[in-house]
């Protein structure tokens, strides 16, 4: 097993919730319609709104423009790894912001992937016998979802979340992985990403027994090794890197300062890893070489600076840099 790779026999300290938020956000990218229909019945995906362009001081996760009951709405989808007392209040803040900005109905959904204390809808504000406010939102607890149901429905885009659902076991996940290999057979990069995310959710979830987890972890480790050696995967990555470099070069001719900022952030990421997690230096160098956006590098730098341990830092590098 590669150095620094976590085993289930010795679970690490708690990983940063941002790692799991990243998984949940990324699962939707490129397959929004398939995913959203499972999280909100009767919704038609129209577009993903650019959070950075919203210029909001609020930390929102994912915002979509959708159609429900023939009416255009805003769907705010929030992921909460650990329940907090103010979850409902934060949703209300987001709701008010988007309602004022877009002047259309706002649907608020909060997703809890792991068992925790969940917010309760509706949020009511009263003064003695006077009702001041009543805010309704959707609450999704993935540990209450039936893993067998989604396997029967062949909801492959959801399979990375199966380890968090009721009834998940080694036999079920073996079948799910087989289907994932078939479903993504023409897109090895996406397959490798989805398999990696399934492993991340598996390690945190407490639905399955330790022996079942270990069995699936062994298969995932073998799969990772095969994918890393696969010539087609290497070719696709090399082409992707070449395109990124070419694009960065062309853009750099026009925006020299941006290129300089990107290079500075890349060096900063490597420096932080070198100081805090020396075994991950080579991994960090390889990963940051693929990133040419200031936003992603900034997020990665801040996350690594706050990472509590080496395992957490490795997850961040693997997740934020596919």
C-alpha atoms as a PDB file:
ATOM      1  CA  UNK A   1       0.000   0.000   0.000  1.00  0.00           C
ATOM      2  CA  UNK A   2       1.405   3.446  -0.899  1.00  0.00           C
ATOM      3  CA  UNK A   3       2.948   5.464   1.895  1.00  0.00           C
ATOM      4  CA  UNK A   4       0.506   7.718   3.667  1.00  0.00           C
ATOM      5  CA  UNK A   5      -2.545   5.719   2.560  1.00  0.00           C
ATOM      6  CA  UNK A   6      -5.050   5.228   5.348  1.00  0.00           C
ATOM      7  CA  UNK A   7      -6.176   1.758   6.398  1.00  0.00           C
ATOM      8  CA  UNK A   8      -9.479   0.913   8.018  1.00  0.00           C
ATOM      9  CA  UNK A   9      -7.727  -0.934  10.801  1.00  0.00           C
ATOM     10  CA  UNK A  10      -6.472   2.338  12.226  1.00  0.00           C
ATOM     11  CA  UNK A  11      -8.960   5.125  11.492  1.00  0.00           C
ATOM     12  CA  UNK A  12      -7.454   8.616  11.454  1.00  0.00           C
ATOM     13  CA  UNK A  13      -8.460  11.660  13.407  1.00  0.00           C
ATOM     14  CA  UNK A  14     -11.598  13.423  12.181  1.00  0.00           C
ATOM     15  CA  UNK A  15     -11.196  14.666   8.621  1.00  0.00           C
ATOM     16  CA  UNK A  16     -12.208  18.207   7.734  1.00  0.00           C
ATOM     17  CA  UNK A  17     -15.850  18.493   6.820  1.00  0.00           C
ATOM     18  CA  UNK A  18     -14.851  20.526   3.782  1.00  0.00           C
ATOM     19  CA  UNK A  19     -13.464  17.325   2.207  1.00  0.00           C
ATOM     20  CA  UNK A  20     -16.910  15.723   2.309  1.00  0.00           C
ATOM     21  CA  UNK A  21     -18.583  18.937   1.161  1.00  0.00           C
ATOM     22  CA  UNK A  22     -16.280  18.839  -1.853  1.00  0.00           C
ATOM     23  CA  UNK A  23     -17.355  15.270  -2.654  1.00  0.00           C
ATOM     24  CA  UNK A  24     -21.039  16.123  -2.439  1.00  0.00           C
ATOM     25  CA  UNK A  25     -20.695  19.251  -4.567  1.00  0.00           C
ATOM     26  CA  UNK A  26     -18.613  17.528  -7.204  1.00  0.00           C
ATOM     27  CA  UNK A  27     -20.952  14.528  -7.491  1.00  0.00           C
ATOM     28  CA  UNK A  28     -23.525  16.774  -9.149  1.00  0.00           C
ATOM     29  CA  UNK A  29     -21.216  18.321 -11.738  1.00  0.00           C
ATOM     30  CA  UNK A  30     -22.020  17.097 -15.228  1.00  0.00           C
ATOM     31  CA  UNK A  31     -24.957  14.982 -14.058  1.00  0.00           C
ATOM     32  CA  UNK A  32     -27.151  17.580 -12.384  1.00  0.00           C
ATOM     33  CA  UNK A  33     -30.461  16.435 -13.853  1.00  0.00           C
ATOM     34  CA  UNK A  34     -29.969  12.792 -12.846  1.00  0.00           C
ATOM     35  CA  UNK A  35     -28.921  13.749  -9.335  1.00  0.00           C
ATOM     36  CA  UNK A  36     -31.426  16.505  -8.621  1.00  0.00           C
ATOM     37  CA  UNK A  37     -34.439  14.339  -9.429  1.00  0.00           C
ATOM     38  CA  UNK A  38     -33.459  12.059  -6.523  1.00  0.00           C
ATOM     39  CA  UNK A  39     -33.125  14.958  -4.106  1.00  0.00           C
ATOM     40  CA  UNK A  40     -36.252  16.850  -5.161  1.00  0.00           C
ATOM     41  CA  UNK A  41     -39.072  15.111  -7.042  1.00  0.00           C
ATOM     42  CA  UNK A  42     -40.548  16.787 -10.090  1.00  0.00           C
ATOM     43  CA  UNK A  43     -37.709  19.249 -10.639  1.00  0.00           C
ATOM     44  CA  UNK A  44     -36.186  20.009 -14.046  1.00  0.00           C
ATOM     45  CA  UNK A  45     -32.605  21.255 -14.037  1.00  0.00           C
ATOM     46  CA  UNK A  46     -32.025  24.421 -16.074  1.00  0.00           C
ATOM     47  CA  UNK A  47     -28.606  25.745 -15.057  1.00  0.00           C
ATOM     48  CA  UNK A  48     -26.069  26.008 -12.270  1.00  0.00           C
ATOM     49  CA  UNK A  49     -25.669  29.519 -10.920  1.00  0.00           C
ATOM     50  CA  UNK A  50     -22.138  30.810 -10.455  1.00  0.00           C
ATOM     51  CA  UNK A  51     -21.744  31.251  -6.706  1.00  0.00           C
ATOM     52  CA  UNK A  52     -18.711  33.529  -7.044  1.00  0.00           C
ATOM     53  CA  UNK A  53     -20.666  35.854  -9.357  1.00  0.00           C
ATOM     54  CA  UNK A  54     -23.486  36.175  -6.831  1.00  0.00           C
ATOM     55  CA  UNK A  55     -21.350  38.487  -4.696  1.00  0.00           C
ATOM     56  CA  UNK A  56     -22.929  37.213  -1.496  1.00  0.00           C
ATOM     57  CA  UNK A  57     -21.194  37.244   1.910  1.00  0.00           C
ATOM     58  CA  UNK A  58     -23.018  33.995   2.697  1.00  0.00           C
ATOM     59  CA  UNK A  59     -21.225  30.656   2.320  1.00  0.00           C
ATOM     60  CA  UNK A  60     -23.592  28.762   0.043  1.00  0.00           C
ATOM     61  CA  UNK A  61     -22.913  25.312  -1.399  1.00  0.00           C
ATOM     62  CA  UNK A  62     -24.805  24.839  -4.658  1.00  0.00           C
ATOM     63  CA  UNK A  63     -27.476  27.019  -6.269  1.00  0.00           C
ATOM     64  CA  UNK A  64     -29.460  25.980  -9.336  1.00  0.00           C
ATOM     65  CA  UNK A  65     -32.101  27.482 -11.558  1.00  0.00           C
ATOM     66  CA  UNK A  66     -34.776  24.810 -11.979  1.00  0.00           C
ATOM     67  CA  UNK A  67     -38.338  24.419 -13.171  1.00  0.00           C
ATOM     68  CA  UNK A  68     -40.973  22.918 -10.880  1.00  0.00           C
ATOM     69  CA  UNK A  69     -44.695  22.877 -11.576  1.00  0.00           C
ATOM     70  CA  UNK A  70     -44.038  24.880 -14.764  1.00  0.00           C
ATOM     71  CA  UNK A  71     -42.496  27.717 -12.788  1.00  0.00           C
ATOM     72  CA  UNK A  72     -38.860  28.779 -12.714  1.00  0.00           C
ATOM     73  CA  UNK A  73     -37.431  28.557  -9.196  1.00  0.00           C
ATOM     74  CA  UNK A  74     -34.131  28.824  -7.374  1.00  0.00           C
ATOM     75  CA  UNK A  75     -32.946  25.623  -5.693  1.00  0.00           C
ATOM     76  CA  UNK A  76     -30.476  26.084  -2.859  1.00  0.00           C
ATOM     77  CA  UNK A  77     -28.870  22.755  -1.971  1.00  0.00           C
ATOM     78  CA  UNK A  78     -26.824  22.741   1.231  1.00  0.00           C
ATOM     79  CA  UNK A  79     -24.637  19.908   2.532  1.00  0.00           C
ATOM     80  CA  UNK A  80     -24.108  19.571   6.263  1.00  0.00           C
ATOM     81  CA  UNK A  81     -21.733  16.886   7.520  1.00  0.00           C
ATOM     82  CA  UNK A  82     -22.385  17.672  11.177  1.00  0.00           C
ATOM     83  CA  UNK A  83     -25.637  19.195  12.382  1.00  0.00           C
ATOM     84  CA  UNK A  84     -25.493  22.645  13.975  1.00  0.00           C
ATOM     85  CA  UNK A  85     -28.103  24.509  15.988  1.00  0.00           C
ATOM     86  CA  UNK A  86     -28.279  27.332  13.465  1.00  0.00           C
ATOM     87  CA  UNK A  87     -28.710  25.194  10.306  1.00  0.00           C
ATOM     88  CA  UNK A  88     -32.295  26.335   9.778  1.00  0.00           C
ATOM     89  CA  UNK A  89     -31.420  29.970  10.458  1.00  0.00           C
ATOM     90  CA  UNK A  90     -28.642  29.869   7.854  1.00  0.00           C
ATOM     91  CA  UNK A  91     -31.050  28.403   5.303  1.00  0.00           C
ATOM     92  CA  UNK A  92     -33.440  31.249   6.027  1.00  0.00           C
ATOM     93  CA  UNK A  93     -30.649  33.759   5.343  1.00  0.00           C
ATOM     94  CA  UNK A  94     -29.921  32.112   2.000  1.00  0.00           C
ATOM     95  CA  UNK A  95     -33.615  31.941   1.165  1.00  0.00           C
ATOM     96  CA  UNK A  96     -34.100  35.654   1.784  1.00  0.00           C
ATOM     97  CA  UNK A  97     -31.025  36.587  -0.259  1.00  0.00           C
ATOM     98  CA  UNK A  98     -32.025  34.544  -3.316  1.00  0.00           C
ATOM     99  CA  UNK A  99     -35.688  35.563  -3.140  1.00  0.00           C
ATOM    100  CA  UNK A 100     -34.739  39.233  -3.165  1.00  0.00           C
ATOM    101  CA  UNK A 101     -32.148  38.782  -5.914  1.00  0.00           C
ATOM    102  CA  UNK A 102     -34.172  36.652  -8.356  1.00  0.00           C
ATOM    103  CA  UNK A 103     -37.761  37.538  -7.422  1.00  0.00           C
ATOM    104  CA  UNK A 104     -38.991  33.972  -7.754  1.00  0.00           C
ATOM    105  CA  UNK A 105     -39.771  31.042  -5.424  1.00  0.00           C
ATOM    106  CA  UNK A 106     -36.797  29.596  -3.556  1.00  0.00           C
ATOM    107  CA  UNK A 107     -36.643  25.920  -2.616  1.00  0.00           C
ATOM    108  CA  UNK A 108     -34.253  25.153   0.222  1.00  0.00           C
ATOM    109  CA  UNK A 109     -32.834  21.654   0.754  1.00  0.00           C
ATOM    110  CA  UNK A 110     -30.331  20.562   3.389  1.00  0.00           C
ATOM    111  CA  UNK A 111     -28.572  17.202   2.957  1.00  0.00           C
ATOM    112  CA  UNK A 112     -27.014  15.298   5.859  1.00  0.00           C
ATOM    113  CA  UNK A 113     -24.861  12.407   4.578  1.00  0.00           C
ATOM    114  CA  UNK A 114     -23.896  11.024   7.998  1.00  0.00           C
ATOM    115  CA  UNK A 115     -25.989  10.440  11.094  1.00  0.00           C
ATOM    116  CA  UNK A 116     -26.204  13.613  13.141  1.00  0.00           C
ATOM    117  CA  UNK A 117     -28.728  15.946  14.737  1.00  0.00           C
ATOM    118  CA  UNK A 118     -30.703  17.388  11.840  1.00  0.00           C
ATOM    119  CA  UNK A 119     -32.601  20.633  11.499  1.00  0.00           C
ATOM    120  CA  UNK A 120     -36.382  20.396  11.763  1.00  0.00           C
ATOM    121  CA  UNK A 121     -38.738  22.043   9.300  1.00  0.00           C
ATOM    122  CA  UNK A 122     -40.520  24.391   9.551  1.00  0.00           C
ATOM    123  CA  UNK A 123     -38.541  27.049  11.392  1.00  0.00           C
ATOM    124  CA  UNK A 124     -41.077  29.063  13.381  1.00  0.00           C
ATOM    125  CA  UNK A 125     -40.726  32.452  14.970  1.00  0.00           C
ATOM    126  CA  UNK A 126     -43.440  33.404  17.421  1.00  0.00           C
ATOM    127  CA  UNK A 127     -44.062  36.058  20.019  1.00  0.00           C
ATOM    128  CA  UNK A 128     -46.446  34.667  22.620  1.00  0.00           C
ATOM    129  CA  UNK A 129     -49.478  33.709  20.479  1.00  0.00           C
ATOM    130  CA  UNK A 130     -48.438  35.765  17.436  1.00  0.00           C
ATOM    131  CA  UNK A 131     -46.865  33.899  14.518  1.00  0.00           C
ATOM    132  CA  UNK A 132     -44.154  36.113  13.023  1.00  0.00           C
ATOM    133  CA  UNK A 133     -42.588  33.689  10.543  1.00  0.00           C
ATOM    134  CA  UNK A 134     -42.855  30.087   9.325  1.00  0.00           C
ATOM    135  CA  UNK A 135     -40.087  28.875   6.995  1.00  0.00           C
ATOM    136  CA  UNK A 136     -40.424  25.465   5.323  1.00  0.00           C
ATOM    137  CA  UNK A 137     -37.461  23.572   3.887  1.00  0.00           C
ATOM    138  CA  UNK A 138     -36.575  20.016   2.851  1.00  0.00           C
ATOM    139  CA  UNK A 139     -34.391  17.820   5.063  1.00  0.00           C
ATOM    140  CA  UNK A 140     -32.598  14.796   3.564  1.00  0.00           C
ATOM    141  CA  UNK A 141     -30.917  12.258   5.861  1.00  0.00           C
ATOM    142  CA  UNK A 142     -28.986   9.894   3.628  1.00  0.00           C
ATOM    143  CA  UNK A 143     -28.664   7.290   6.388  1.00  0.00           C
ATOM    144  CA  UNK A 144     -32.452   6.847   6.179  1.00  0.00           C
ATOM    145  CA  UNK A 145     -32.420   6.210   2.421  1.00  0.00           C
ATOM    146  CA  UNK A 146     -32.641   2.585   1.266  1.00  0.00           C
ATOM    147  CA  UNK A 147     -29.430   1.585  -0.535  1.00  0.00           C
ATOM    148  CA  UNK A 148     -31.114  -1.477  -2.060  1.00  0.00           C
ATOM    149  CA  UNK A 149     -33.777   0.704  -3.688  1.00  0.00           C
ATOM    150  CA  UNK A 150     -31.246   2.806  -5.597  1.00  0.00           C
ATOM    151  CA  UNK A 151     -29.367  -0.304  -6.674  1.00  0.00           C
ATOM    152  CA  UNK A 152     -32.631  -1.755  -8.031  1.00  0.00           C
ATOM    153  CA  UNK A 153     -33.308   1.503  -9.858  1.00  0.00           C
ATOM    154  CA  UNK A 154     -29.746   1.500 -11.264  1.00  0.00           C
ATOM    155  CA  UNK A 155     -29.264   5.103 -10.076  1.00  0.00           C
ATOM    156  CA  UNK A 156     -25.534   4.917 -10.837  1.00  0.00           C
ATOM    157  CA  UNK A 157     -24.783   8.658 -10.364  1.00  0.00           C
ATOM    158  CA  UNK A 158     -25.821   8.151  -6.711  1.00  0.00           C
ATOM    159  CA  UNK A 159     -23.659   5.088  -6.085  1.00  0.00           C
ATOM    160  CA  UNK A 160     -20.791   6.989  -4.469  1.00  0.00           C
ATOM    161  CA  UNK A 161     -23.263   7.794  -1.665  1.00  0.00           C
ATOM    162  CA  UNK A 162     -24.450   4.205  -1.133  1.00  0.00           C
ATOM    163  CA  UNK A 163     -22.090   3.575   1.828  1.00  0.00           C
ATOM    164  CA  UNK A 164     -23.998   6.240   3.774  1.00  0.00           C
ATOM    165  CA  UNK A 165     -27.426   4.618   3.235  1.00  0.00           C
ATOM    166  CA  UNK A 166     -29.391   2.077   5.252  1.00  0.00           C
ATOM    167  CA  UNK A 167     -28.817  -1.520   4.195  1.00  0.00           C
ATOM    168  CA  UNK A 168     -25.416  -0.900   2.629  1.00  0.00           C
ATOM    169  CA  UNK A 169     -23.149  -3.942   2.833  1.00  0.00           C
ATOM    170  CA  UNK A 170     -20.215  -5.506   1.004  1.00  0.00           C
ATOM    171  CA  UNK A 171     -22.355  -7.591  -1.357  1.00  0.00           C
ATOM    172  CA  UNK A 172     -24.416  -4.569  -2.400  1.00  0.00           C
ATOM    173  CA  UNK A 173     -21.361  -2.387  -2.963  1.00  0.00           C
ATOM    174  CA  UNK A 174     -19.622  -5.049  -5.030  1.00  0.00           C
ATOM    175  CA  UNK A 175     -22.641  -5.045  -7.356  1.00  0.00           C
ATOM    176  CA  UNK A 176     -22.676  -1.241  -7.399  1.00  0.00           C
ATOM    177  CA  UNK A 177     -18.986  -1.058  -8.337  1.00  0.00           C
ATOM    178  CA  UNK A 178     -19.568  -3.550 -11.166  1.00  0.00           C
ATOM    179  CA  UNK A 179     -22.368  -1.327 -12.501  1.00  0.00           C
ATOM    180  CA  UNK A 180     -20.214   1.777 -12.173  1.00  0.00           C
ATOM    181  CA  UNK A 181     -17.486   0.152 -14.264  1.00  0.00           C
ATOM    182  CA  UNK A 182     -20.058  -0.654 -16.955  1.00  0.00           C
ATOM    183  CA  UNK A 183     -21.823   2.718 -16.788  1.00  0.00           C
ATOM    184  CA  UNK A 184     -18.629   4.784 -17.036  1.00  0.00           C
ATOM    185  CA  UNK A 185     -16.784   2.420 -19.374  1.00  0.00           C
ATOM    186  CA  UNK A 186     -16.197   5.185 -21.920  1.00  0.00           C
ATOM    187  CA  UNK A 187     -15.083   7.721 -19.335  1.00  0.00           C
ATOM    188  CA  UNK A 188     -12.279   6.267 -17.223  1.00  0.00           C
ATOM    189  CA  UNK A 189     -11.450   9.577 -15.567  1.00  0.00           C
ATOM    190  CA  UNK A 190     -15.001   9.973 -14.233  1.00  0.00           C
ATOM    191  CA  UNK A 191     -15.028   6.336 -13.151  1.00  0.00           C
ATOM    192  CA  UNK A 192     -11.795   6.749 -11.197  1.00  0.00           C
ATOM    193  CA  UNK A 193     -13.178   9.892  -9.563  1.00  0.00           C
ATOM    194  CA  UNK A 194     -16.493   8.268  -8.595  1.00  0.00           C
ATOM    195  CA  UNK A 195     -14.728   5.199  -7.184  1.00  0.00           C
ATOM    196  CA  UNK A 196     -12.442   7.424  -5.120  1.00  0.00           C
ATOM    197  CA  UNK A 197     -15.416   9.344  -3.748  1.00  0.00           C
ATOM    198  CA  UNK A 198     -17.208   6.118  -2.846  1.00  0.00           C
ATOM    199  CA  UNK A 199     -14.154   5.207  -0.783  1.00  0.00           C
ATOM    200  CA  UNK A 200     -14.138   8.572   0.978  1.00  0.00           C
ATOM    201  CA  UNK A 201     -17.793   8.217   1.981  1.00  0.00           C
ATOM    202  CA  UNK A 202     -17.231   4.597   2.993  1.00  0.00           C
ATOM    203  CA  UNK A 203     -14.516   5.532   5.491  1.00  0.00           C
ATOM    204  CA  UNK A 204     -16.660   8.099   7.280  1.00  0.00           C
ATOM    205  CA  UNK A 205     -20.046   6.330   7.237  1.00  0.00           C
ATOM    206  CA  UNK A 206     -21.019   4.068  10.149  1.00  0.00           C
ATOM    207  CA  UNK A 207     -23.730   2.078   8.399  1.00  0.00           C
ATOM    208  CA  UNK A 208     -21.592  -0.924   7.427  1.00  0.00           C
ATOM    209  CA  UNK A 209     -19.716  -3.369   9.625  1.00  0.00           C
ATOM    210  CA  UNK A 210     -15.937  -3.081   9.897  1.00  0.00           C
ATOM    211  CA  UNK A 211     -15.393  -6.398   8.097  1.00  0.00           C
ATOM    212  CA  UNK A 212     -17.589  -5.284   5.173  1.00  0.00           C
ATOM    213  CA  UNK A 213     -15.744  -1.963   5.019  1.00  0.00           C
ATOM    214  CA  UNK A 214     -12.383  -3.721   4.947  1.00  0.00           C
ATOM    215  CA  UNK A 215     -13.551  -6.001   2.152  1.00  0.00           C
ATOM    216  CA  UNK A 216     -14.652  -3.097  -0.027  1.00  0.00           C
ATOM    217  CA  UNK A 217     -11.574  -1.062   0.873  1.00  0.00           C
ATOM    218  CA  UNK A 218      -9.340  -3.879  -0.396  1.00  0.00           C
ATOM    219  CA  UNK A 219     -11.176  -3.881  -3.712  1.00  0.00           C
ATOM    220  CA  UNK A 220     -10.981  -0.104  -4.003  1.00  0.00           C
ATOM    221  CA  UNK A 221      -7.245  -0.137  -3.314  1.00  0.00           C
ATOM    222  CA  UNK A 222      -6.718  -2.738  -6.046  1.00  0.00           C
ATOM    223  CA  UNK A 223      -8.882  -0.670  -8.383  1.00  0.00           C
ATOM    224  CA  UNK A 224      -6.870   2.499  -7.667  1.00  0.00           C
ATOM    225  CA  UNK A 225      -3.621   0.719  -8.467  1.00  0.00           C
ATOM    226  CA  UNK A 226      -4.999  -0.666 -11.743  1.00  0.00           C
ATOM    227  CA  UNK A 227      -6.370   2.713 -12.803  1.00  0.00           C
ATOM    228  CA  UNK A 228      -3.076   4.455 -12.031  1.00  0.00           C
ATOM    229  CA  UNK A 229      -1.240   2.009 -14.309  1.00  0.00           C
ATOM    230  CA  UNK A 230      -3.855   2.006 -17.052  1.00  0.00           C
ATOM    231  CA  UNK A 231      -2.270   3.353 -20.300  1.00  0.00           C
ATOM    232  CA  UNK A 232      -5.512   4.970 -21.437  1.00  0.00           C
ATOM    233  CA  UNK A 233      -5.901   6.837 -18.155  1.00  0.00           C
ATOM    234  CA  UNK A 234      -2.326   8.060 -18.399  1.00  0.00           C
ATOM    235  CA  UNK A 235      -2.872   9.188 -21.991  1.00  0.00           C
ATOM    236  CA  UNK A 236      -6.074  11.059 -21.130  1.00  0.00           C
ATOM    237  CA  UNK A 237      -4.392  12.790 -18.194  1.00  0.00           C
ATOM    238  CA  UNK A 238      -1.367  13.692 -20.280  1.00  0.00           C
ATOM    239  CA  UNK A 239      -3.590  15.193 -22.996  1.00  0.00           C
ATOM    240  CA  UNK A 240      -5.609  17.070 -20.393  1.00  0.00           C
ATOM    241  CA  UNK A 241      -2.465  18.481 -18.823  1.00  0.00           C
ATOM    242  CA  UNK A 242      -1.119  19.470 -22.256  1.00  0.00           C
ATOM    243  CA  UNK A 243      -4.341  21.283 -23.111  1.00  0.00           C
ATOM    244  CA  UNK A 244      -4.292  23.011 -19.749  1.00  0.00           C
ATOM    245  CA  UNK A 245      -0.713  24.132 -20.260  1.00  0.00           C
ATOM    246  CA  UNK A 246      -1.449  25.338 -23.799  1.00  0.00           C
ATOM    247  CA  UNK A 247      -4.513  27.228 -22.616  1.00  0.00           C
ATOM    248  CA  UNK A 248      -2.573  28.692 -19.726  1.00  0.00           C
ATOM    249  CA  UNK A 249       0.221  29.801 -22.052  1.00  0.00           C
ATOM    250  CA  UNK A 250      -2.167  31.480 -24.475  1.00  0.00           C
ATOM    251  CA  UNK A 251      -3.989  33.174 -21.658  1.00  0.00           C
ATOM    252  CA  UNK A 252      -0.728  34.146 -20.020  1.00  0.00           C
ATOM    253  CA  UNK A 253       0.290  36.165 -23.046  1.00  0.00           C
ATOM    254  CA  UNK A 254      -2.739  38.337 -22.442  1.00  0.00           C
ATOM    255  CA  UNK A 255      -2.745  38.273 -18.664  1.00  0.00           C
ATOM    256  CA  UNK A 256       0.804  38.018 -17.418  1.00  0.00           C
ATOM    257  CA  UNK A 257      -0.096  39.045 -13.889  1.00  0.00           C
ATOM    258  CA  UNK A 258      -2.663  36.245 -13.544  1.00  0.00           C
ATOM    259  CA  UNK A 259      -0.073  33.690 -14.605  1.00  0.00           C
ATOM    260  CA  UNK A 260       2.360  35.061 -12.050  1.00  0.00           C
ATOM    261  CA  UNK A 261      -0.272  34.869  -9.325  1.00  0.00           C
ATOM    262  CA  UNK A 262      -1.087  31.282 -10.263  1.00  0.00           C
ATOM    263  CA  UNK A 263       2.571  30.257 -10.135  1.00  0.00           C
ATOM    264  CA  UNK A 264       2.983  31.992  -6.782  1.00  0.00           C
ATOM    265  CA  UNK A 265       0.009  30.136  -5.331  1.00  0.00           C
ATOM    266  CA  UNK A 266       1.270  26.820  -6.700  1.00  0.00           C
ATOM    267  CA  UNK A 267       4.586  27.401  -4.946  1.00  0.00           C
ATOM    268  CA  UNK A 268       2.776  28.438  -1.762  1.00  0.00           C
ATOM    269  CA  UNK A 269       0.775  25.199  -1.712  1.00  0.00           C
ATOM    270  CA  UNK A 270       3.926  23.114  -2.082  1.00  0.00           C
ATOM    271  CA  UNK A 271       5.651  25.141   0.647  1.00  0.00           C
ATOM    272  CA  UNK A 272       2.789  24.582   3.098  1.00  0.00           C
ATOM    273  CA  UNK A 273       2.770  20.847   2.381  1.00  0.00           C
ATOM    274  CA  UNK A 274       6.562  20.676   2.680  1.00  0.00           C
ATOM    275  CA  UNK A 275       6.416  22.300   6.102  1.00  0.00           C
ATOM    276  CA  UNK A 276       3.426  20.408   7.511  1.00  0.00           C
ATOM    277  CA  UNK A 277       3.281  17.086   5.619  1.00  0.00           C
ATOM    278  CA  UNK A 278       6.699  16.276   4.067  1.00  0.00           C
ATOM    279  CA  UNK A 279       5.649  12.807   2.747  1.00  0.00           C
ATOM    280  CA  UNK A 280       3.062  14.504   0.499  1.00  0.00           C
ATOM    281  CA  UNK A 281       5.411  16.977  -1.185  1.00  0.00           C
ATOM    282  CA  UNK A 282       5.767  15.049  -4.453  1.00  0.00           C
ATOM    283  CA  UNK A 283       2.016  14.443  -4.596  1.00  0.00           C
ATOM    284  CA  UNK A 284       1.389  18.159  -4.052  1.00  0.00           C
ATOM    285  CA  UNK A 285       3.812  19.128  -6.821  1.00  0.00           C
ATOM    286  CA  UNK A 286       2.099  16.795  -9.285  1.00  0.00           C
ATOM    287  CA  UNK A 287      -1.360  17.959  -8.327  1.00  0.00           C
ATOM    288  CA  UNK A 288      -0.836  21.729  -8.332  1.00  0.00           C
ATOM    289  CA  UNK A 289       0.846  21.513 -11.733  1.00  0.00           C
ATOM    290  CA  UNK A 290      -2.610  20.693 -13.130  1.00  0.00           C
ATOM    291  CA  UNK A 291      -4.344  23.694 -11.576  1.00  0.00           C
ATOM    292  CA  UNK A 292      -4.319  26.978 -13.446  1.00  0.00           C
ATOM    293  CA  UNK A 293      -7.078  28.852 -11.655  1.00  0.00           C
ATOM    294  CA  UNK A 294      -6.417  31.260  -8.799  1.00  0.00           C
ATOM    295  CA  UNK A 295      -9.733  30.388  -7.113  1.00  0.00           C
ATOM    296  CA  UNK A 296      -9.011  26.651  -6.831  1.00  0.00           C
ATOM    297  CA  UNK A 297      -5.443  27.206  -5.674  1.00  0.00           C
ATOM    298  CA  UNK A 298      -6.596  29.653  -3.012  1.00  0.00           C
ATOM    299  CA  UNK A 299      -9.163  27.171  -1.677  1.00  0.00           C
ATOM    300  CA  UNK A 300      -6.570  24.391  -1.662  1.00  0.00           C
ATOM    301  CA  UNK A 301      -3.985  26.565   0.117  1.00  0.00           C
ATOM    302  CA  UNK A 302      -6.395  27.586   2.884  1.00  0.00           C
ATOM    303  CA  UNK A 303      -7.679  24.030   3.312  1.00  0.00           C
ATOM    304  CA  UNK A 304      -4.180  22.546   3.579  1.00  0.00           C
ATOM    305  CA  UNK A 305      -3.153  25.190   6.085  1.00  0.00           C
ATOM    306  CA  UNK A 306      -6.084  24.117   8.284  1.00  0.00           C
ATOM    307  CA  UNK A 307      -5.809  20.346   7.693  1.00  0.00           C
ATOM    308  CA  UNK A 308      -5.482  18.571  11.059  1.00  0.00           C
ATOM    309  CA  UNK A 309      -3.335  15.659   9.821  1.00  0.00           C
ATOM    310  CA  UNK A 310      -1.583  14.047   6.854  1.00  0.00           C
ATOM    311  CA  UNK A 311      -4.559  11.874   5.916  1.00  0.00           C
ATOM    312  CA  UNK A 312      -6.804  14.916   5.707  1.00  0.00           C
ATOM    313  CA  UNK A 313      -4.268  16.739   3.526  1.00  0.00           C
ATOM    314  CA  UNK A 314      -4.035  13.762   1.169  1.00  0.00           C
ATOM    315  CA  UNK A 315      -7.815  13.670   0.792  1.00  0.00           C
ATOM    316  CA  UNK A 316      -7.867  17.371  -0.037  1.00  0.00           C
ATOM    317  CA  UNK A 317      -5.192  16.954  -2.697  1.00  0.00           C
ATOM    318  CA  UNK A 318      -6.959  13.956  -4.226  1.00  0.00           C
ATOM    319  CA  UNK A 319     -10.430  15.498  -4.182  1.00  0.00           C
ATOM    320  CA  UNK A 320      -9.736  19.050  -5.269  1.00  0.00           C
ATOM    321  CA  UNK A 321      -7.417  17.900  -8.027  1.00  0.00           C
ATOM    322  CA  UNK A 322      -9.018  15.063  -9.980  1.00  0.00           C
END
